[in-house]
Amino acid sequence: TVEEVVVLMDIEGARLKDILEVNSLSEGAAKLGYSLMHDESGQLVEHMKSYLAGLHKILNGLPKDAPQKKYTKVANLL
């Protein structure tokens, strides 16, 4: 559901913000994004909007002193 996507992206944002060693989304979040990008049914548009909004929120929430690699890996998904 859309709500599950929102919760997953909030968890990813907290994980990336709080754990300095983590530089990319979890495997599950990355696979979800890949699946949403390649969905041809048109039924998951709201899910994709929530996913992209979550990526923007993550990118804007990263600490200013976060490694460039972390910014790049999140931004590349957008």
PDB file of N, CA and C in Angstrom:
ATOM      1  N   THR A   1       0.836  -1.184   0.000  1.00  0.00           N
ATOM      2  CA  THR A   1       0.000   0.000   0.000  1.00  0.00           C
ATOM      3  C   THR A   1       0.881   1.247   0.000  1.00  0.00           C
ATOM      4  N   VAL A   2       0.275   2.368  -0.284  1.00  0.00           N
ATOM      5  CA  VAL A   2       0.994   3.638  -0.279  1.00  0.00           C
ATOM      6  C   VAL A   2       1.534   3.933   1.121  1.00  0.00           C
ATOM      7  N   GLU A   3       0.736   3.620   2.134  1.00  0.00           N
ATOM      8  CA  GLU A   3       1.162   3.873   3.514  1.00  0.00           C
ATOM      9  C   GLU A   3       2.424   3.080   3.858  1.00  0.00           C
ATOM     10  N   GLU A   4       2.510   1.869   3.365  1.00  0.00           N
ATOM     11  CA  GLU A   4       3.697   1.045   3.614  1.00  0.00           C
ATOM     12  C   GLU A   4       4.931   1.641   2.946  1.00  0.00           C
ATOM     13  N   VAL A   5       4.758   2.204   1.769  1.00  0.00           N
ATOM     14  CA  VAL A   5       5.874   2.854   1.077  1.00  0.00           C
ATOM     15  C   VAL A   5       6.354   4.054   1.891  1.00  0.00           C
ATOM     16  N   VAL A   6       5.415   4.840   2.396  1.00  0.00           N
ATOM     17  CA  VAL A   6       5.763   6.017   3.201  1.00  0.00           C
ATOM     18  C   VAL A   6       6.536   5.601   4.451  1.00  0.00           C
ATOM     19  N   VAL A   7       6.066   4.580   5.139  1.00  0.00           N
ATOM     20  CA  VAL A   7       6.740   4.104   6.351  1.00  0.00           C
ATOM     21  C   VAL A   7       8.136   3.579   6.021  1.00  0.00           C
ATOM     22  N   LEU A   8       8.252   2.795   4.959  1.00  0.00           N
ATOM     23  CA  LEU A   8       9.556   2.267   4.554  1.00  0.00           C
ATOM     24  C   LEU A   8      10.535   3.403   4.271  1.00  0.00           C
ATOM     25  N   MET A   9      10.084   4.428   3.571  1.00  0.00           N
ATOM     26  CA  MET A   9      10.983   5.530   3.231  1.00  0.00           C
ATOM     27  C   MET A   9      11.355   6.338   4.475  1.00  0.00           C
ATOM     28  N   ASP A  10      10.444   6.456   5.428  1.00  0.00           N
ATOM     29  CA  ASP A  10      10.778   7.123   6.692  1.00  0.00           C
ATOM     30  C   ASP A  10      11.849   6.340   7.446  1.00  0.00           C
ATOM     31  N   ILE A  11      11.724   5.029   7.455  1.00  0.00           N
ATOM     32  CA  ILE A  11      12.726   4.178   8.107  1.00  0.00           C
ATOM     33  C   ILE A  11      14.068   4.325   7.407  1.00  0.00           C
ATOM     34  N   GLU A  12      14.054   4.318   6.083  1.00  0.00           N
ATOM     35  CA  GLU A  12      15.294   4.479   5.314  1.00  0.00           C
ATOM     36  C   GLU A  12      15.942   5.828   5.616  1.00  0.00           C
ATOM     37  N   GLY A  13      15.124   6.869   5.697  1.00  0.00           N
ATOM     38  CA  GLY A  13      15.651   8.198   5.994  1.00  0.00           C
ATOM     39  C   GLY A  13      16.327   8.249   7.350  1.00  0.00           C
ATOM     40  N   ALA A  14      15.701   7.649   8.346  1.00  0.00           N
ATOM     41  CA  ALA A  14      16.283   7.627   9.691  1.00  0.00           C
ATOM     42  C   ALA A  14      17.578   6.824   9.703  1.00  0.00           C
ATOM     43  N   ARG A  15      17.585   5.715   8.996  1.00  0.00           N
ATOM     44  CA  ARG A  15      18.771   4.861   8.947  1.00  0.00           C
ATOM     45  C   ARG A  15      19.943   5.590   8.285  1.00  0.00           C
ATOM     46  N   LEU A  16      19.686   6.246   7.178  1.00  0.00           N
ATOM     47  CA  LEU A  16      20.753   6.958   6.469  1.00  0.00           C
ATOM     48  C   LEU A  16      21.237   8.171   7.252  1.00  0.00           C
ATOM     49  N   LYS A  17      20.330   8.804   7.953  1.00  0.00           N
ATOM     50  CA  LYS A  17      20.685   9.999   8.721  1.00  0.00           C
ATOM     51  C   LYS A  17      21.501   9.647   9.962  1.00  0.00           C
ATOM     52  N   ASP A  18      21.133   8.561  10.621  1.00  0.00           N
ATOM     53  CA  ASP A  18      21.715   8.245  11.921  1.00  0.00           C
ATOM     54  C   ASP A  18      22.937   7.334  11.881  1.00  0.00           C
ATOM     55  N   ILE A  19      23.100   6.567  10.833  1.00  0.00           N
ATOM     56  CA  ILE A  19      24.220   5.625  10.778  1.00  0.00           C
ATOM     57  C   ILE A  19      25.206   6.104   9.719  1.00  0.00           C
ATOM     58  N   LEU A  20      26.319   6.654  10.156  1.00  0.00           N
ATOM     59  CA  LEU A  20      27.271   7.275   9.242  1.00  0.00           C
ATOM     60  C   LEU A  20      27.842   6.310   8.217  1.00  0.00           C
ATOM     61  N   GLU A  21      27.992   5.038   8.586  1.00  0.00           N
ATOM     62  CA  GLU A  21      28.624   4.068   7.687  1.00  0.00           C
ATOM     63  C   GLU A  21      27.710   3.657   6.535  1.00  0.00           C
ATOM     64  N   VAL A  22      26.419   3.898   6.671  1.00  0.00           N
ATOM     65  CA  VAL A  22      25.464   3.487   5.641  1.00  0.00           C
ATOM     66  C   VAL A  22      25.414   4.564   4.563  1.00  0.00           C
ATOM     67  N   ASN A  23      25.667   4.161   3.318  1.00  0.00           N
ATOM     68  CA  ASN A  23      25.699   5.129   2.224  1.00  0.00           C
ATOM     69  C   ASN A  23      24.651   4.890   1.148  1.00  0.00           C
ATOM     70  N   SER A  24      23.797   3.895   1.327  1.00  0.00           N
ATOM     71  CA  SER A  24      22.789   3.648   0.303  1.00  0.00           C
ATOM     72  C   SER A  24      21.541   3.036   0.930  1.00  0.00           C
ATOM     73  N   LEU A  25      20.490   3.019   0.156  1.00  0.00           N
ATOM     74  CA  LEU A  25      19.243   2.429   0.629  1.00  0.00           C
ATOM     75  C   LEU A  25      19.421   0.941   0.884  1.00  0.00           C
ATOM     76  N   SER A  26      18.572   0.406   1.723  1.00  0.00           N
ATOM     77  CA  SER A  26      18.587  -1.033   1.966  1.00  0.00           C
ATOM     78  C   SER A  26      18.207  -1.758   0.681  1.00  0.00           C
ATOM     79  N   GLU A  27      18.507  -3.031   0.639  1.00  0.00           N
ATOM     80  CA  GLU A  27      18.201  -3.830  -0.547  1.00  0.00           C
ATOM     81  C   GLU A  27      16.698  -3.816  -0.845  1.00  0.00           C
ATOM     82  N   GLY A  28      15.895  -3.909   0.206  1.00  0.00           N
ATOM     83  CA  GLY A  28      14.444  -3.916   0.022  1.00  0.00           C
ATOM     84  C   GLY A  28      13.923  -2.615  -0.572  1.00  0.00           C
ATOM     85  N   ALA A  29      14.431  -1.491  -0.088  1.00  0.00           N
ATOM     86  CA  ALA A  29      13.989  -0.198  -0.609  1.00  0.00           C
ATOM     87  C   ALA A  29      14.459   0.006  -2.043  1.00  0.00           C
ATOM     88  N   ALA A  30      15.663  -0.427  -2.337  1.00  0.00           N
ATOM     89  CA  ALA A  30      16.177  -0.308  -3.701  1.00  0.00           C
ATOM     90  C   ALA A  30      15.368  -1.179  -4.665  1.00  0.00           C
ATOM     91  N   LYS A  31      15.041  -2.402  -4.246  1.00  0.00           N
ATOM     92  CA  LYS A  31      14.247  -3.299  -5.099  1.00  0.00           C
ATOM     93  C   LYS A  31      12.846  -2.738  -5.327  1.00  0.00           C
ATOM     94  N   LEU A  32      12.282  -2.137  -4.289  1.00  0.00           N
ATOM     95  CA  LEU A  32      10.963  -1.526  -4.434  1.00  0.00           C
ATOM     96  C   LEU A  32      11.016  -0.424  -5.487  1.00  0.00           C
ATOM     97  N   GLY A  33      12.020   0.432  -5.402  1.00  0.00           N
ATOM     98  CA  GLY A  33      12.160   1.505  -6.385  1.00  0.00           C
ATOM     99  C   GLY A  33      12.308   0.968  -7.792  1.00  0.00           C
ATOM    100  N   TYR A  34      13.112  -0.064  -7.945  1.00  0.00           N
ATOM    101  CA  TYR A  34      13.311  -0.683  -9.256  1.00  0.00           C
ATOM    102  C   TYR A  34      11.987  -1.241  -9.780  1.00  0.00           C
ATOM    103  N   SER A  35      11.251  -1.909  -8.927  1.00  0.00           N
ATOM    104  CA  SER A  35       9.958  -2.481  -9.332  1.00  0.00           C
ATOM    105  C   SER A  35       8.970  -1.390  -9.737  1.00  0.00           C
ATOM    106  N   LEU A  36       8.940  -0.313  -8.969  1.00  0.00           N
ATOM    107  CA  LEU A  36       8.021   0.778  -9.280  1.00  0.00           C
ATOM    108  C   LEU A  36       8.384   1.452 -10.599  1.00  0.00           C
ATOM    109  N   MET A  37       9.678   1.618 -10.846  1.00  0.00           N
ATOM    110  CA  MET A  37      10.116   2.257 -12.091  1.00  0.00           C
ATOM    111  C   MET A  37       9.768   1.414 -13.312  1.00  0.00           C
ATOM    112  N   HIS A  38       9.740   0.115 -13.146  1.00  0.00           N
ATOM    113  CA  HIS A  38       9.503  -0.772 -14.282  1.00  0.00           C
ATOM    114  C   HIS A  38       8.069  -1.303 -14.351  1.00  0.00           C
ATOM    115  N   ASP A  39       7.193  -0.743 -13.538  1.00  0.00           N
ATOM    116  CA  ASP A  39       5.786  -1.145 -13.572  1.00  0.00           C
ATOM    117  C   ASP A  39       5.114  -0.520 -14.792  1.00  0.00           C
ATOM    118  N   GLU A  40       4.537  -1.334 -15.614  1.00  0.00           N
ATOM    119  CA  GLU A  40       3.875  -0.843 -16.824  1.00  0.00           C
ATOM    120  C   GLU A  40       2.358  -0.859 -16.702  1.00  0.00           C
ATOM    121  N   SER A  41       1.860  -1.279 -15.564  1.00  0.00           N
ATOM    122  CA  SER A  41       0.409  -1.382 -15.402  1.00  0.00           C
ATOM    123  C   SER A  41      -0.241  -0.022 -15.187  1.00  0.00           C
ATOM    124  N   GLY A  42       0.519   0.928 -14.657  1.00  0.00           N
ATOM    125  CA  GLY A  42      -0.042   2.236 -14.362  1.00  0.00           C
ATOM    126  C   GLY A  42      -0.835   2.274 -13.071  1.00  0.00           C
ATOM    127  N   GLN A  43      -0.876   1.166 -12.360  1.00  0.00           N
ATOM    128  CA  GLN A  43      -1.666   1.091 -11.133  1.00  0.00           C
ATOM    129  C   GLN A  43      -0.882   1.525  -9.897  1.00  0.00           C
ATOM    130  N   LEU A  44       0.416   1.733 -10.048  1.00  0.00           N
ATOM    131  CA  LEU A  44       1.249   2.045  -8.885  1.00  0.00           C
ATOM    132  C   LEU A  44       1.768   3.481  -8.902  1.00  0.00           C
ATOM    133  N   VAL A  45       1.062   4.366  -9.593  1.00  0.00           N
ATOM    134  CA  VAL A  45       1.500   5.757  -9.705  1.00  0.00           C
ATOM    135  C   VAL A  45       1.599   6.409  -8.329  1.00  0.00           C
ATOM    136  N   GLU A  46       0.616   6.208  -7.490  1.00  0.00           N
ATOM    137  CA  GLU A  46       0.636   6.813  -6.152  1.00  0.00           C
ATOM    138  C   GLU A  46       1.775   6.241  -5.312  1.00  0.00           C
ATOM    139  N   HIS A  47       2.066   4.967  -5.492  1.00  0.00           N
ATOM    140  CA  HIS A  47       3.190   4.353  -4.789  1.00  0.00           C
ATOM    141  C   HIS A  47       4.497   5.023  -5.217  1.00  0.00           C
ATOM    142  N   MET A  48       4.645   5.252  -6.532  1.00  0.00           N
ATOM    143  CA  MET A  48       5.856   5.880  -7.050  1.00  0.00           C
ATOM    144  C   MET A  48       5.982   7.313  -6.543  1.00  0.00           C
ATOM    145  N   LYS A  49       4.880   8.039  -6.497  1.00  0.00           N
ATOM    146  CA  LYS A  49       4.913   9.406  -5.966  1.00  0.00           C
ATOM    147  C   LYS A  49       5.390   9.404  -4.518  1.00  0.00           C
ATOM    148  N   SER A  50       4.898   8.469  -3.734  1.00  0.00           N
ATOM    149  CA  SER A  50       5.305   8.372  -2.328  1.00  0.00           C
ATOM    150  C   SER A  50       6.773   8.002  -2.211  1.00  0.00           C
ATOM    151  N   TYR A  51       7.229   7.108  -3.067  1.00  0.00           N
ATOM    152  CA  TYR A  51       8.632   6.684  -3.065  1.00  0.00           C
ATOM    153  C   TYR A  51       9.538   7.868  -3.404  1.00  0.00           C
ATOM    154  N   LEU A  52       9.195   8.604  -4.452  1.00  0.00           N
ATOM    155  CA  LEU A  52      10.002   9.761  -4.853  1.00  0.00           C
ATOM    156  C   LEU A  52       9.981  10.852  -3.787  1.00  0.00           C
ATOM    157  N   ALA A  53       8.820  11.072  -3.177  1.00  0.00           N
ATOM    158  CA  ALA A  53       8.737  12.053  -2.095  1.00  0.00           C
ATOM    159  C   ALA A  53       9.628  11.625  -0.933  1.00  0.00           C
ATOM    160  N   GLY A  54       9.667  10.324  -0.673  1.00  0.00           N
ATOM    161  CA  GLY A  54      10.539   9.806   0.380  1.00  0.00           C
ATOM    162  C   GLY A  54      12.010  10.027   0.063  1.00  0.00           C
ATOM    163  N   LEU A  55      12.396   9.834  -1.202  1.00  0.00           N
ATOM    164  CA  LEU A  55      13.787  10.080  -1.596  1.00  0.00           C
ATOM    165  C   LEU A  55      14.154  11.551  -1.423  1.00  0.00           C
ATOM    166  N   HIS A  56      13.241  12.441  -1.805  1.00  0.00           N
ATOM    167  CA  HIS A  56      13.486  13.875  -1.615  1.00  0.00           C
ATOM    168  C   HIS A  56      13.641  14.196  -0.134  1.00  0.00           C
ATOM    169  N   LYS A  57      12.787  13.618   0.673  1.00  0.00           N
ATOM    170  CA  LYS A  57      12.835  13.852   2.123  1.00  0.00           C
ATOM    171  C   LYS A  57      14.158  13.348   2.701  1.00  0.00           C
ATOM    172  N   ILE A  58      14.605  12.185   2.235  1.00  0.00           N
ATOM    173  CA  ILE A  58      15.880  11.635   2.701  1.00  0.00           C
ATOM    174  C   ILE A  58      17.016  12.568   2.310  1.00  0.00           C
ATOM    175  N   LEU A  59      17.042  12.980   1.056  1.00  0.00           N
ATOM    176  CA  LEU A  59      18.118  13.829   0.559  1.00  0.00           C
ATOM    177  C   LEU A  59      18.179  15.143   1.320  1.00  0.00           C
ATOM    178  N   ASN A  60      17.023  15.744   1.555  1.00  0.00           N
ATOM    179  CA  ASN A  60      16.976  17.016   2.277  1.00  0.00           C
ATOM    180  C   ASN A  60      17.245  16.854   3.766  1.00  0.00           C
ATOM    181  N   GLY A  61      17.084  15.648   4.301  1.00  0.00           N
ATOM    182  CA  GLY A  61      17.280  15.419   5.726  1.00  0.00           C
ATOM    183  C   GLY A  61      18.675  14.966   6.113  1.00  0.00           C
ATOM    184  N   LEU A  62      19.518  14.706   5.110  1.00  0.00           N
ATOM    185  CA  LEU A  62      20.874  14.256   5.430  1.00  0.00           C
ATOM    186  C   LEU A  62      21.659  15.383   6.079  1.00  0.00           C
ATOM    187  N   PRO A  63      22.477  15.058   7.056  1.00  0.00           N
ATOM    188  CA  PRO A  63      23.296  16.085   7.701  1.00  0.00           C
ATOM    189  C   PRO A  63      24.256  16.722   6.696  1.00  0.00           C
ATOM    190  N   LYS A  64      24.558  17.986   6.908  1.00  0.00           N
ATOM    191  CA  LYS A  64      25.459  18.702   5.996  1.00  0.00           C
ATOM    192  C   LYS A  64      26.841  18.071   5.943  1.00  0.00           C
ATOM    193  N   ASP A  65      27.235  17.381   7.002  1.00  0.00           N
ATOM    194  CA  ASP A  65      28.565  16.760   7.016  1.00  0.00           C
ATOM    195  C   ASP A  65      28.539  15.296   6.561  1.00  0.00           C
ATOM    196  N   ALA A  66      27.421  14.861   5.991  1.00  0.00           N
ATOM    197  CA  ALA A  66      27.340  13.484   5.479  1.00  0.00           C
ATOM    198  C   ALA A  66      28.292  13.340   4.293  1.00  0.00           C
ATOM    199  N   PRO A  67      28.837  12.148   4.102  1.00  0.00           N
ATOM    200  CA  PRO A  67      29.761  11.942   2.985  1.00  0.00           C
ATOM    201  C   PRO A  67      29.086  12.198   1.636  1.00  0.00           C
ATOM    202  N   GLN A  68      29.870  12.718   0.706  1.00  0.00           N
ATOM    203  CA  GLN A  68      29.360  12.986  -0.642  1.00  0.00           C
ATOM    204  C   GLN A  68      28.767  11.727  -1.267  1.00  0.00           C
ATOM    205  N   LYS A  69      29.380  10.578  -0.961  1.00  0.00           N
ATOM    206  CA  LYS A  69      28.912   9.302  -1.508  1.00  0.00           C
ATOM    207  C   LYS A  69      27.454   9.048  -1.129  1.00  0.00           C
ATOM    208  N   LYS A  70      27.094   9.415   0.092  1.00  0.00           N
ATOM    209  CA  LYS A  70      25.728   9.192   0.563  1.00  0.00           C
ATOM    210  C   LYS A  70      24.753  10.062  -0.234  1.00  0.00           C
ATOM    211  N   TYR A  71      25.089  11.339  -0.414  1.00  0.00           N
ATOM    212  CA  TYR A  71      24.240  12.230  -1.206  1.00  0.00           C
ATOM    213  C   TYR A  71      24.097  11.707  -2.631  1.00  0.00           C
ATOM    214  N   THR A  72      25.214  11.304  -3.215  1.00  0.00           N
ATOM    215  CA  THR A  72      25.225  10.851  -4.606  1.00  0.00           C
ATOM    216  C   THR A  72      24.368   9.616  -4.801  1.00  0.00           C
ATOM    217  N   LYS A  73      24.491   8.641  -3.903  1.00  0.00           N
ATOM    218  CA  LYS A  73      23.733   7.393  -4.060  1.00  0.00           C
ATOM    219  C   LYS A  73      22.233   7.633  -3.943  1.00  0.00           C
ATOM    220  N   VAL A  74      21.818   8.523  -3.049  1.00  0.00           N
ATOM    221  CA  VAL A  74      20.389   8.817  -2.922  1.00  0.00           C
ATOM    222  C   VAL A  74      19.919   9.633  -4.128  1.00  0.00           C
ATOM    223  N   ALA A  75      20.700  10.635  -4.518  1.00  0.00           N
ATOM    224  CA  ALA A  75      20.314  11.496  -5.643  1.00  0.00           C
ATOM    225  C   ALA A  75      20.238  10.718  -6.950  1.00  0.00           C
ATOM    226  N   ASN A  76      21.084   9.734  -7.129  1.00  0.00           N
ATOM    227  CA  ASN A  76      21.069   8.951  -8.365  1.00  0.00           C
ATOM    228  C   ASN A  76      19.767   8.181  -8.535  1.00  0.00           C
ATOM    229  N   LEU A  77      19.074   7.900  -7.456  1.00  0.00           N
ATOM    230  CA  LEU A  77      17.795   7.199  -7.545  1.00  0.00           C
ATOM    231  C   LEU A  77      16.672   8.115  -8.016  1.00  0.00           C
ATOM    232  N   LEU A  78      16.881   9.409  -7.835  1.00  0.00           N
ATOM    233  CA  LEU A  78      15.878  10.369  -8.302  1.00  0.00           C
ATOM    234  C   LEU A  78      16.043  10.532  -9.779  1.00  0.00           C
TER     235      LEU A  78
END
